[in-house]
Amino acid sequence: MITVYGIPNCDTVKRARSWLAEHGIDYNFHDFKKQGVPPAELDAWLQAPGWEAVLNRRGTTWRQLDEATRAAVTDAASARPVLLANPSLIKRPVVQWQPDAPVSVGFEPARWDQLAHAR
């Protein structure tokens, strides 16, 4: 079963969930706000696809962090505690398409079509 990680009121997550429904794809939804960020999964995401792909530096949450915190995020180890404390910093949605396979980050319909058919 596919797992979609995100925040339900995020516009990108809404579009992604609609896409899955339109394509008849069942999934579990993991709400970062209610269920938190699963540390073990985050560790895997920081490795593949990588911390820079997972960290959303364009959002308001990033801009609201103090300069020292932003400057201190330089690798996966330094990004981890910031992402755990601020789930809104994770680029959304993160999707686990298959067990033990790398996740996708963000919503790209053409890429999702490939991933959905590769399951």
N, C-alpha and C. Protein backbone atom coordinates (compact mmCIF):
# COMPACT_ATOMS: atom_id res chain seq x y z
N MET A 1 0.84 -1.18 0.00
CA MET A 1 0.00 0.00 0.00
C MET A 1 0.89 1.25 0.00
N ILE A 2 0.53 2.19 -0.78
CA ILE A 2 1.24 3.46 -0.87
C ILE A 2 0.97 4.27 0.39
N THR A 3 1.99 4.97 0.87
CA THR A 3 1.81 5.89 1.99
C THR A 3 2.17 7.29 1.52
N VAL A 4 1.24 8.21 1.74
CA VAL A 4 1.45 9.62 1.40
C VAL A 4 1.65 10.36 2.71
N TYR A 5 2.78 11.03 2.82
CA TYR A 5 3.10 11.82 4.01
C TYR A 5 2.92 13.29 3.67
N GLY A 6 2.26 14.02 4.56
CA GLY A 6 2.09 15.44 4.30
C GLY A 6 1.19 16.11 5.30
N ILE A 7 0.68 17.26 4.89
CA ILE A 7 -0.21 18.08 5.69
C ILE A 7 -1.49 18.25 4.88
N PRO A 8 -2.65 17.91 5.45
CA PRO A 8 -3.87 17.88 4.65
C PRO A 8 -4.28 19.21 4.03
N ASN A 9 -3.94 20.32 4.64
CA ASN A 9 -4.37 21.60 4.07
C ASN A 9 -3.37 22.19 3.08
N CYS A 10 -2.29 21.47 2.81
CA CYS A 10 -1.30 21.91 1.82
C CYS A 10 -1.90 21.75 0.41
N ASP A 11 -1.85 22.79 -0.39
CA ASP A 11 -2.42 22.74 -1.74
C ASP A 11 -1.80 21.64 -2.59
N THR A 12 -0.50 21.46 -2.50
CA THR A 12 0.16 20.42 -3.29
C THR A 12 -0.29 19.03 -2.85
N VAL A 13 -0.44 18.84 -1.56
CA VAL A 13 -0.92 17.55 -1.05
C VAL A 13 -2.36 17.33 -1.51
N LYS A 14 -3.17 18.36 -1.51
CA LYS A 14 -4.56 18.23 -1.98
C LYS A 14 -4.59 17.80 -3.44
N ARG A 15 -3.75 18.42 -4.27
CA ARG A 15 -3.69 18.05 -5.70
C ARG A 15 -3.21 16.61 -5.86
N ALA A 16 -2.22 16.23 -5.08
CA ALA A 16 -1.68 14.88 -5.16
C ALA A 16 -2.72 13.85 -4.74
N ARG A 17 -3.44 14.11 -3.67
CA ARG A 17 -4.47 13.18 -3.21
C ARG A 17 -5.61 13.08 -4.23
N SER A 18 -5.95 14.20 -4.84
CA SER A 18 -6.98 14.18 -5.90
C SER A 18 -6.51 13.33 -7.08
N TRP A 19 -5.23 13.48 -7.45
CA TRP A 19 -4.67 12.71 -8.55
C TRP A 19 -4.77 11.21 -8.25
N LEU A 20 -4.40 10.83 -7.04
CA LEU A 20 -4.48 9.42 -6.66
C LEU A 20 -5.93 8.92 -6.73
N ALA A 21 -6.86 9.70 -6.24
CA ALA A 21 -8.27 9.31 -6.28
C ALA A 21 -8.76 9.18 -7.72
N GLU A 22 -8.38 10.14 -8.57
CA GLU A 22 -8.79 10.10 -9.98
C GLU A 22 -8.25 8.87 -10.71
N HIS A 23 -7.10 8.38 -10.26
CA HIS A 23 -6.48 7.22 -10.88
C HIS A 23 -6.83 5.92 -10.16
N GLY A 24 -7.72 6.00 -9.19
CA GLY A 24 -8.17 4.80 -8.48
C GLY A 24 -7.09 4.12 -7.67
N ILE A 25 -6.18 4.89 -7.15
CA ILE A 25 -5.06 4.33 -6.40
C ILE A 25 -5.32 4.51 -4.90
N ASP A 26 -5.38 3.41 -4.19
CA ASP A 26 -5.58 3.45 -2.74
C ASP A 26 -4.26 3.81 -2.06
N TYR A 27 -4.38 4.49 -0.94
CA TYR A 27 -3.19 4.91 -0.21
C TYR A 27 -3.55 5.16 1.25
N ASN A 28 -2.54 5.14 2.08
CA ASN A 28 -2.66 5.57 3.47
C ASN A 28 -2.12 6.98 3.55
N PHE A 29 -2.75 7.81 4.35
CA PHE A 29 -2.27 9.19 4.52
C PHE A 29 -1.72 9.35 5.93
N HIS A 30 -0.49 9.86 6.00
CA HIS A 30 0.17 10.12 7.27
C HIS A 30 0.25 11.64 7.44
N ASP A 31 -0.50 12.16 8.39
CA ASP A 31 -0.59 13.60 8.65
C ASP A 31 0.54 14.03 9.58
N PHE A 32 1.46 14.82 9.06
CA PHE A 32 2.58 15.31 9.88
C PHE A 32 2.10 16.09 11.10
N LYS A 33 1.03 16.83 10.96
CA LYS A 33 0.54 17.67 12.06
C LYS A 33 -0.03 16.82 13.20
N LYS A 34 -0.75 15.76 12.86
CA LYS A 34 -1.38 14.92 13.88
C LYS A 34 -0.50 13.77 14.34
N GLN A 35 0.25 13.19 13.40
CA GLN A 35 1.01 11.99 13.70
C GLN A 35 2.51 12.23 13.83
N GLY A 36 2.95 13.43 13.51
CA GLY A 36 4.37 13.75 13.58
C GLY A 36 5.14 13.17 12.41
N VAL A 37 6.41 13.48 12.41
CA VAL A 37 7.31 12.96 11.37
C VAL A 37 7.94 11.69 11.92
N PRO A 38 7.78 10.57 11.24
CA PRO A 38 8.40 9.34 11.74
C PRO A 38 9.93 9.40 11.59
N PRO A 39 10.65 9.40 12.71
CA PRO A 39 12.10 9.57 12.65
C PRO A 39 12.83 8.57 11.76
N ALA A 40 12.45 7.31 11.81
CA ALA A 40 13.14 6.30 10.99
C ALA A 40 12.93 6.57 9.50
N GLU A 41 11.70 6.95 9.14
CA GLU A 41 11.43 7.26 7.74
C GLU A 41 12.19 8.51 7.32
N LEU A 42 12.20 9.51 8.19
CA LEU A 42 12.94 10.74 7.87
C LEU A 42 14.41 10.42 7.61
N ASP A 43 14.99 9.56 8.41
CA ASP A 43 16.40 9.18 8.20
C ASP A 43 16.61 8.59 6.81
N ALA A 44 15.68 7.75 6.38
CA ALA A 44 15.78 7.17 5.04
C ALA A 44 15.63 8.25 3.97
N TRP A 45 14.69 9.18 4.17
CA TRP A 45 14.47 10.25 3.19
C TRP A 45 15.69 11.16 3.08
N LEU A 46 16.36 11.38 4.20
CA LEU A 46 17.54 12.24 4.18
C LEU A 46 18.68 11.62 3.38
N GLN A 47 18.66 10.28 3.27
CA GLN A 47 19.67 9.59 2.47
C GLN A 47 19.26 9.51 1.01
N ALA A 48 18.02 9.13 0.75
CA ALA A 48 17.52 9.04 -0.64
C ALA A 48 16.05 9.43 -0.61
N PRO A 49 15.70 10.49 -1.20
CA PRO A 49 16.35 11.25 -2.25
C PRO A 49 17.38 12.28 -1.79
N GLY A 50 17.55 12.45 -0.49
CA GLY A 50 18.57 13.37 0.00
C GLY A 50 17.97 14.56 0.73
N TRP A 51 18.75 15.07 1.68
CA TRP A 51 18.25 16.14 2.55
C TRP A 51 17.89 17.40 1.78
N GLU A 52 18.62 17.71 0.72
CA GLU A 52 18.32 18.94 -0.03
C GLU A 52 17.00 18.83 -0.80
N ALA A 53 16.64 17.62 -1.21
CA ALA A 53 15.36 17.42 -1.88
C ALA A 53 14.20 17.47 -0.90
N VAL A 54 14.44 17.06 0.34
CA VAL A 54 13.39 16.99 1.36
C VAL A 54 13.14 18.35 2.02
N LEU A 55 14.16 19.14 2.17
CA LEU A 55 14.05 20.43 2.85
C LEU A 55 13.44 21.48 1.92
N ASN A 56 12.33 22.06 2.35
CA ASN A 56 11.66 23.10 1.57
C ASN A 56 12.16 24.47 2.03
N ARG A 57 13.05 25.04 1.26
CA ARG A 57 13.61 26.36 1.59
C ARG A 57 12.80 27.51 1.00
N ARG A 58 11.72 27.19 0.27
CA ARG A 58 10.93 28.24 -0.36
C ARG A 58 9.70 28.65 0.46
N GLY A 59 9.36 27.88 1.48
CA GLY A 59 8.15 28.14 2.24
C GLY A 59 8.32 29.17 3.33
N THR A 60 7.19 29.58 3.88
CA THR A 60 7.21 30.58 4.95
C THR A 60 7.85 30.05 6.22
N THR A 61 7.73 28.76 6.48
CA THR A 61 8.34 28.21 7.70
C THR A 61 9.85 28.41 7.67
N TRP A 62 10.48 28.17 6.53
CA TRP A 62 11.93 28.38 6.40
C TRP A 62 12.28 29.84 6.62
N ARG A 63 11.52 30.73 6.02
CA ARG A 63 11.80 32.17 6.15
C ARG A 63 11.59 32.66 7.57
N GLN A 64 10.73 31.99 8.33
CA GLN A 64 10.46 32.40 9.71
C GLN A 64 11.52 31.90 10.69
N LEU A 65 12.35 30.96 10.28
CA LEU A 65 13.44 30.51 11.15
C LEU A 65 14.46 31.62 11.29
N ASP A 66 15.12 31.66 12.44
CA ASP A 66 16.16 32.67 12.61
C ASP A 66 17.35 32.35 11.71
N GLU A 67 18.11 33.36 11.41
CA GLU A 67 19.23 33.24 10.47
C GLU A 67 20.24 32.19 10.93
N ALA A 68 20.50 32.12 12.22
CA ALA A 68 21.47 31.16 12.74
C ALA A 68 21.01 29.72 12.49
N THR A 69 19.73 29.45 12.67
CA THR A 69 19.20 28.11 12.42
C THR A 69 19.31 27.76 10.94
N ARG A 70 18.92 28.70 10.08
CA ARG A 70 19.01 28.44 8.63
C ARG A 70 20.46 28.20 8.22
N ALA A 71 21.36 29.01 8.73
CA ALA A 71 22.78 28.88 8.36
C ALA A 71 23.38 27.57 8.86
N ALA A 72 22.85 27.04 9.95
CA ALA A 72 23.39 25.81 10.53
C ALA A 72 22.97 24.56 9.77
N VAL A 73 21.97 24.66 8.89
CA VAL A 73 21.52 23.49 8.12
C VAL A 73 22.41 23.35 6.89
N THR A 74 23.37 22.43 7.00
CA THR A 74 24.37 22.27 5.95
C THR A 74 24.50 20.84 5.43
N ASP A 75 23.83 19.91 6.11
CA ASP A 75 23.90 18.51 5.70
C ASP A 75 22.74 17.76 6.33
N ALA A 76 22.66 16.46 6.07
CA ALA A 76 21.55 15.65 6.59
C ALA A 76 21.50 15.66 8.12
N ALA A 77 22.66 15.57 8.75
CA ALA A 77 22.69 15.53 10.22
C ALA A 77 22.17 16.83 10.83
N SER A 78 22.49 17.95 10.23
CA SER A 78 22.02 19.23 10.78
C SER A 78 20.58 19.54 10.36
N ALA A 79 20.13 18.97 9.26
CA ALA A 79 18.75 19.19 8.81
C ALA A 79 17.77 18.37 9.65
N ARG A 80 18.17 17.20 10.08
CA ARG A 80 17.26 16.27 10.77
C ARG A 80 16.53 16.89 11.95
N PRO A 81 17.21 17.47 12.95
CA PRO A 81 16.47 18.01 14.10
C PRO A 81 15.55 19.18 13.72
N VAL A 82 15.95 19.95 12.74
CA VAL A 82 15.13 21.08 12.30
C VAL A 82 13.86 20.56 11.63
N LEU A 83 13.98 19.52 10.82
CA LEU A 83 12.82 18.94 10.15
C LEU A 83 11.88 18.24 11.14
N LEU A 84 12.44 17.58 12.13
CA LEU A 84 11.60 16.93 13.14
C LEU A 84 10.82 17.97 13.95
N ALA A 85 11.46 19.08 14.25
CA ALA A 85 10.81 20.14 15.04
C ALA A 85 9.84 20.97 14.21
N ASN A 86 10.04 20.99 12.89
CA ASN A 86 9.22 21.83 12.00
C ASN A 86 8.77 21.01 10.79
N PRO A 87 7.75 20.16 10.95
CA PRO A 87 7.32 19.30 9.85
C PRO A 87 6.95 20.07 8.58
N SER A 88 6.55 21.33 8.72
CA SER A 88 6.19 22.12 7.54
C SER A 88 7.38 22.41 6.65
N LEU A 89 8.59 22.14 7.13
CA LEU A 89 9.79 22.33 6.32
C LEU A 89 10.02 21.19 5.34
N ILE A 90 9.28 20.10 5.49
CA ILE A 90 9.45 18.97 4.59
C ILE A 90 8.66 19.24 3.33
N LYS A 91 9.35 19.15 2.20
CA LYS A 91 8.68 19.33 0.90
C LYS A 91 7.64 18.24 0.76
N ARG A 92 6.46 18.63 0.31
CA ARG A 92 5.34 17.71 0.29
C ARG A 92 4.76 17.54 -1.11
N PRO A 93 4.10 16.38 -1.25
CA PRO A 93 4.07 15.22 -0.36
C PRO A 93 5.31 14.35 -0.54
N VAL A 94 5.56 13.57 0.48
CA VAL A 94 6.56 12.50 0.39
C VAL A 94 5.74 11.22 0.21
N VAL A 95 6.09 10.44 -0.78
CA VAL A 95 5.30 9.24 -1.08
C VAL A 95 6.19 8.00 -1.11
N GLN A 96 5.80 7.03 -0.30
CA GLN A 96 6.44 5.71 -0.30
C GLN A 96 5.61 4.84 -1.23
N TRP A 97 6.09 4.64 -2.45
CA TRP A 97 5.35 3.89 -3.46
C TRP A 97 5.42 2.39 -3.23
N GLN A 98 6.58 1.92 -2.76
CA GLN A 98 6.78 0.50 -2.52
C GLN A 98 7.63 0.35 -1.26
N PRO A 99 7.41 -0.73 -0.51
CA PRO A 99 8.26 -0.96 0.66
C PRO A 99 9.73 -1.06 0.24
N ASP A 100 10.58 -0.53 1.05
CA ASP A 100 12.03 -0.61 0.82
C ASP A 100 12.50 0.01 -0.49
N ALA A 101 11.70 0.92 -1.05
CA ALA A 101 12.11 1.64 -2.26
C ALA A 101 12.24 3.12 -1.91
N PRO A 102 13.07 3.85 -2.64
CA PRO A 102 13.17 5.28 -2.37
C PRO A 102 11.81 5.97 -2.55
N VAL A 103 11.63 7.05 -1.84
CA VAL A 103 10.39 7.82 -1.92
C VAL A 103 10.49 8.88 -3.00
N SER A 104 9.33 9.41 -3.37
CA SER A 104 9.30 10.59 -4.22
C SER A 104 8.94 11.78 -3.34
N VAL A 105 9.41 12.94 -3.72
CA VAL A 105 9.15 14.16 -2.97
C VAL A 105 8.55 15.18 -3.92
N GLY A 106 7.42 15.75 -3.53
CA GLY A 106 6.73 16.72 -4.38
C GLY A 106 5.74 16.01 -5.29
N PHE A 107 4.99 16.81 -6.03
CA PHE A 107 3.97 16.27 -6.90
C PHE A 107 4.25 16.68 -8.34
N GLU A 108 4.57 15.68 -9.15
CA GLU A 108 4.78 15.87 -10.58
C GLU A 108 3.94 14.79 -11.28
N PRO A 109 2.79 15.17 -11.86
CA PRO A 109 1.88 14.17 -12.43
C PRO A 109 2.54 13.19 -13.41
N ALA A 110 3.40 13.67 -14.29
CA ALA A 110 4.03 12.76 -15.26
C ALA A 110 4.91 11.74 -14.55
N ARG A 111 5.67 12.18 -13.58
CA ARG A 111 6.53 11.27 -12.81
C ARG A 111 5.68 10.31 -11.99
N TRP A 112 4.61 10.81 -11.41
CA TRP A 112 3.73 9.96 -10.62
C TRP A 112 3.09 8.88 -11.48
N ASP A 113 2.77 9.21 -12.71
CA ASP A 113 2.20 8.22 -13.61
C ASP A 113 3.19 7.07 -13.80
N GLN A 114 4.46 7.39 -13.97
CA GLN A 114 5.49 6.36 -14.10
C GLN A 114 5.60 5.53 -12.83
N LEU A 115 5.65 6.20 -11.68
CA LEU A 115 5.81 5.50 -10.41
C LEU A 115 4.60 4.62 -10.09
N ALA A 116 3.41 5.11 -10.41
CA ALA A 116 2.20 4.34 -10.13
C ALA A 116 2.15 3.06 -10.97
N HIS A 117 2.62 3.15 -12.19
CA HIS A 117 2.59 1.98 -13.06
C HIS A 117 3.75 1.02 -12.81
N ALA A 118 4.78 1.49 -12.12
CA ALA A 118 5.93 0.64 -11.83
C ALA A 118 5.69 -0.23 -10.59
N ARG A 119 4.61 0.05 -9.84
CA ARG A 119 4.37 -0.71 -8.61
C ARG A 119 4.05 -2.13 -8.89
